[in-house]
Amino acid sequence: MVDYLKSKNVRVITVDSKKAISDLGSAKILNVVLLGAAIESGILDLTKDDIKEAIKEKVNPKFYDLNNQAIEYIKLN
């Protein structure tokens, strides 16, 4: 599927979701990993700092570190 999309000049961003879940310890955080990937690719007009600030404002503080790791995951792997 990826090769087909690339052959049609569609921009494809792939994320090894199983590895991300294993590394971060939770499948619940995968959406934040995908958001980080979209930001890292430049397709969103947001920065990681924008998202981190929103997380700080909206997410229970005990989950801040995990969300922060998820946002940074793609850059690290």
C-alpha atoms as a PDB file:
ATOM      1  CA  MET A   1       0.000   0.000   0.000  1.00  0.00           C
ATOM      2  CA  VAL A   2       2.782   2.438   0.914  1.00  0.00           C
ATOM      3  CA  ASP A   3       4.613   1.798  -2.353  1.00  0.00           C
ATOM      4  CA  TYR A   4       1.402   2.290  -4.317  1.00  0.00           C
ATOM      5  CA  LEU A   5       0.689   5.621  -2.633  1.00  0.00           C
ATOM      6  CA  LYS A   6       4.262   6.792  -3.165  1.00  0.00           C
ATOM      7  CA  SER A   7       3.996   5.832  -6.850  1.00  0.00           C
ATOM      8  CA  LYS A   8       1.011   8.188  -7.078  1.00  0.00           C
ATOM      9  CA  ASN A   9       3.094  11.021  -5.573  1.00  0.00           C
ATOM     10  CA  VAL A  10       1.168  10.922  -2.317  1.00  0.00           C
ATOM     11  CA  ARG A  11       3.210  11.960   0.699  1.00  0.00           C
ATOM     12  CA  VAL A  12       3.351   9.021   3.094  1.00  0.00           C
ATOM     13  CA  ILE A  13       4.384   9.172   6.730  1.00  0.00           C
ATOM     14  CA  THR A  14       4.853   5.798   8.364  1.00  0.00           C
ATOM     15  CA  VAL A  15       5.031   5.096  12.077  1.00  0.00           C
ATOM     16  CA  ASP A  16       5.917   1.738  13.605  1.00  0.00           C
ATOM     17  CA  SER A  17       2.987   1.737  16.002  1.00  0.00           C
ATOM     18  CA  LYS A  18       3.890  -1.568  17.652  1.00  0.00           C
ATOM     19  CA  LYS A  19       7.358  -0.240  18.484  1.00  0.00           C
ATOM     20  CA  ALA A  20       5.956   3.051  19.758  1.00  0.00           C
ATOM     21  CA  ILE A  21       3.477   1.241  22.004  1.00  0.00           C
ATOM     22  CA  SER A  22       6.203  -1.064  23.282  1.00  0.00           C
ATOM     23  CA  ASP A  23       8.650   1.789  23.889  1.00  0.00           C
ATOM     24  CA  LEU A  24       6.120   4.070  25.581  1.00  0.00           C
ATOM     25  CA  GLY A  25       4.209   1.346  27.401  1.00  0.00           C
ATOM     26  CA  SER A  26       0.686   2.275  26.343  1.00  0.00           C
ATOM     27  CA  ALA A  27      -1.469   2.051  23.239  1.00  0.00           C
ATOM     28  CA  LYS A  28      -3.543   4.945  24.578  1.00  0.00           C
ATOM     29  CA  ILE A  29      -0.740   7.377  23.753  1.00  0.00           C
ATOM     30  CA  LEU A  30      -0.413   6.394  20.078  1.00  0.00           C
ATOM     31  CA  ASN A  31      -2.585   9.287  18.888  1.00  0.00           C
ATOM     32  CA  VAL A  32      -0.095  11.710  20.446  1.00  0.00           C
ATOM     33  CA  VAL A  33       2.781   9.896  18.709  1.00  0.00           C
ATOM     34  CA  LEU A  34       0.940  10.342  15.396  1.00  0.00           C
ATOM     35  CA  LEU A  35       0.376  14.020  16.161  1.00  0.00           C
ATOM     36  CA  GLY A  36       4.099  14.375  16.837  1.00  0.00           C
ATOM     37  CA  ALA A  37       4.857  12.677  13.516  1.00  0.00           C
ATOM     38  CA  ALA A  38       2.564  15.071  11.673  1.00  0.00           C
ATOM     39  CA  ILE A  39       4.241  18.047  13.330  1.00  0.00           C
ATOM     40  CA  GLU A  40       7.731  16.664  12.652  1.00  0.00           C
ATOM     41  CA  SER A  41       6.856  16.232   8.962  1.00  0.00           C
ATOM     42  CA  GLY A  42       5.822  19.862   8.660  1.00  0.00           C
ATOM     43  CA  ILE A  43       2.294  19.171   7.407  1.00  0.00           C
ATOM     44  CA  LEU A  44       0.697  20.955  10.370  1.00  0.00           C
ATOM     45  CA  ASP A  45       1.044  24.632  11.099  1.00  0.00           C
ATOM     46  CA  LEU A  46       1.823  23.847  14.744  1.00  0.00           C
ATOM     47  CA  THR A  47       4.972  23.345  16.747  1.00  0.00           C
ATOM     48  CA  LYS A  48       5.694  20.715  19.332  1.00  0.00           C
ATOM     49  CA  ASP A  49       5.839  23.525  21.886  1.00  0.00           C
ATOM     50  CA  ASP A  50       2.267  24.527  20.923  1.00  0.00           C
ATOM     51  CA  ILE A  51       1.086  20.985  21.609  1.00  0.00           C
ATOM     52  CA  LYS A  52       3.091  20.676  24.829  1.00  0.00           C
ATOM     53  CA  GLU A  53       1.497  23.877  26.114  1.00  0.00           C
ATOM     54  CA  ALA A  54      -1.980  22.576  25.259  1.00  0.00           C
ATOM     55  CA  ILE A  55      -1.192  19.281  26.992  1.00  0.00           C
ATOM     56  CA  LYS A  56      -0.013  21.158  30.071  1.00  0.00           C
ATOM     57  CA  GLU A  57      -3.285  23.123  30.135  1.00  0.00           C
ATOM     58  CA  LYS A  58      -5.703  20.275  29.364  1.00  0.00           C
ATOM     59  CA  VAL A  59      -4.216  16.950  30.489  1.00  0.00           C
ATOM     60  CA  ASN A  60      -3.949  15.610  34.018  1.00  0.00           C
ATOM     61  CA  PRO A  61      -0.434  16.511  35.260  1.00  0.00           C
ATOM     62  CA  LYS A  62       0.389  12.878  36.017  1.00  0.00           C
ATOM     63  CA  PHE A  63       0.205  12.168  32.264  1.00  0.00           C
ATOM     64  CA  TYR A  64       2.298  15.158  31.130  1.00  0.00           C
ATOM     65  CA  ASP A  65       5.624  13.302  30.953  1.00  0.00           C
ATOM     66  CA  LEU A  66       4.172  10.418  28.933  1.00  0.00           C
ATOM     67  CA  ASN A  67       2.511  12.823  26.500  1.00  0.00           C
ATOM     68  CA  ASN A  68       5.736  14.808  26.206  1.00  0.00           C
ATOM     69  CA  GLN A  69       7.653  11.610  25.397  1.00  0.00           C
ATOM     70  CA  ALA A  70       5.029  10.730  22.791  1.00  0.00           C
ATOM     71  CA  ILE A  71       5.293  14.140  21.088  1.00  0.00           C
ATOM     72  CA  GLU A  72       9.079  13.767  20.890  1.00  0.00           C
ATOM     73  CA  TYR A  73       9.022  10.058  19.969  1.00  0.00           C
ATOM     74  CA  ILE A  74       9.420  10.377  16.187  1.00  0.00           C
ATOM     75  CA  LYS A  75      12.422  12.694  16.450  1.00  0.00           C
ATOM     76  CA  LEU A  76      14.099  10.216  18.786  1.00  0.00           C
ATOM     77  CA  ASN A  77      13.435   7.104  16.673  1.00  0.00           C
END
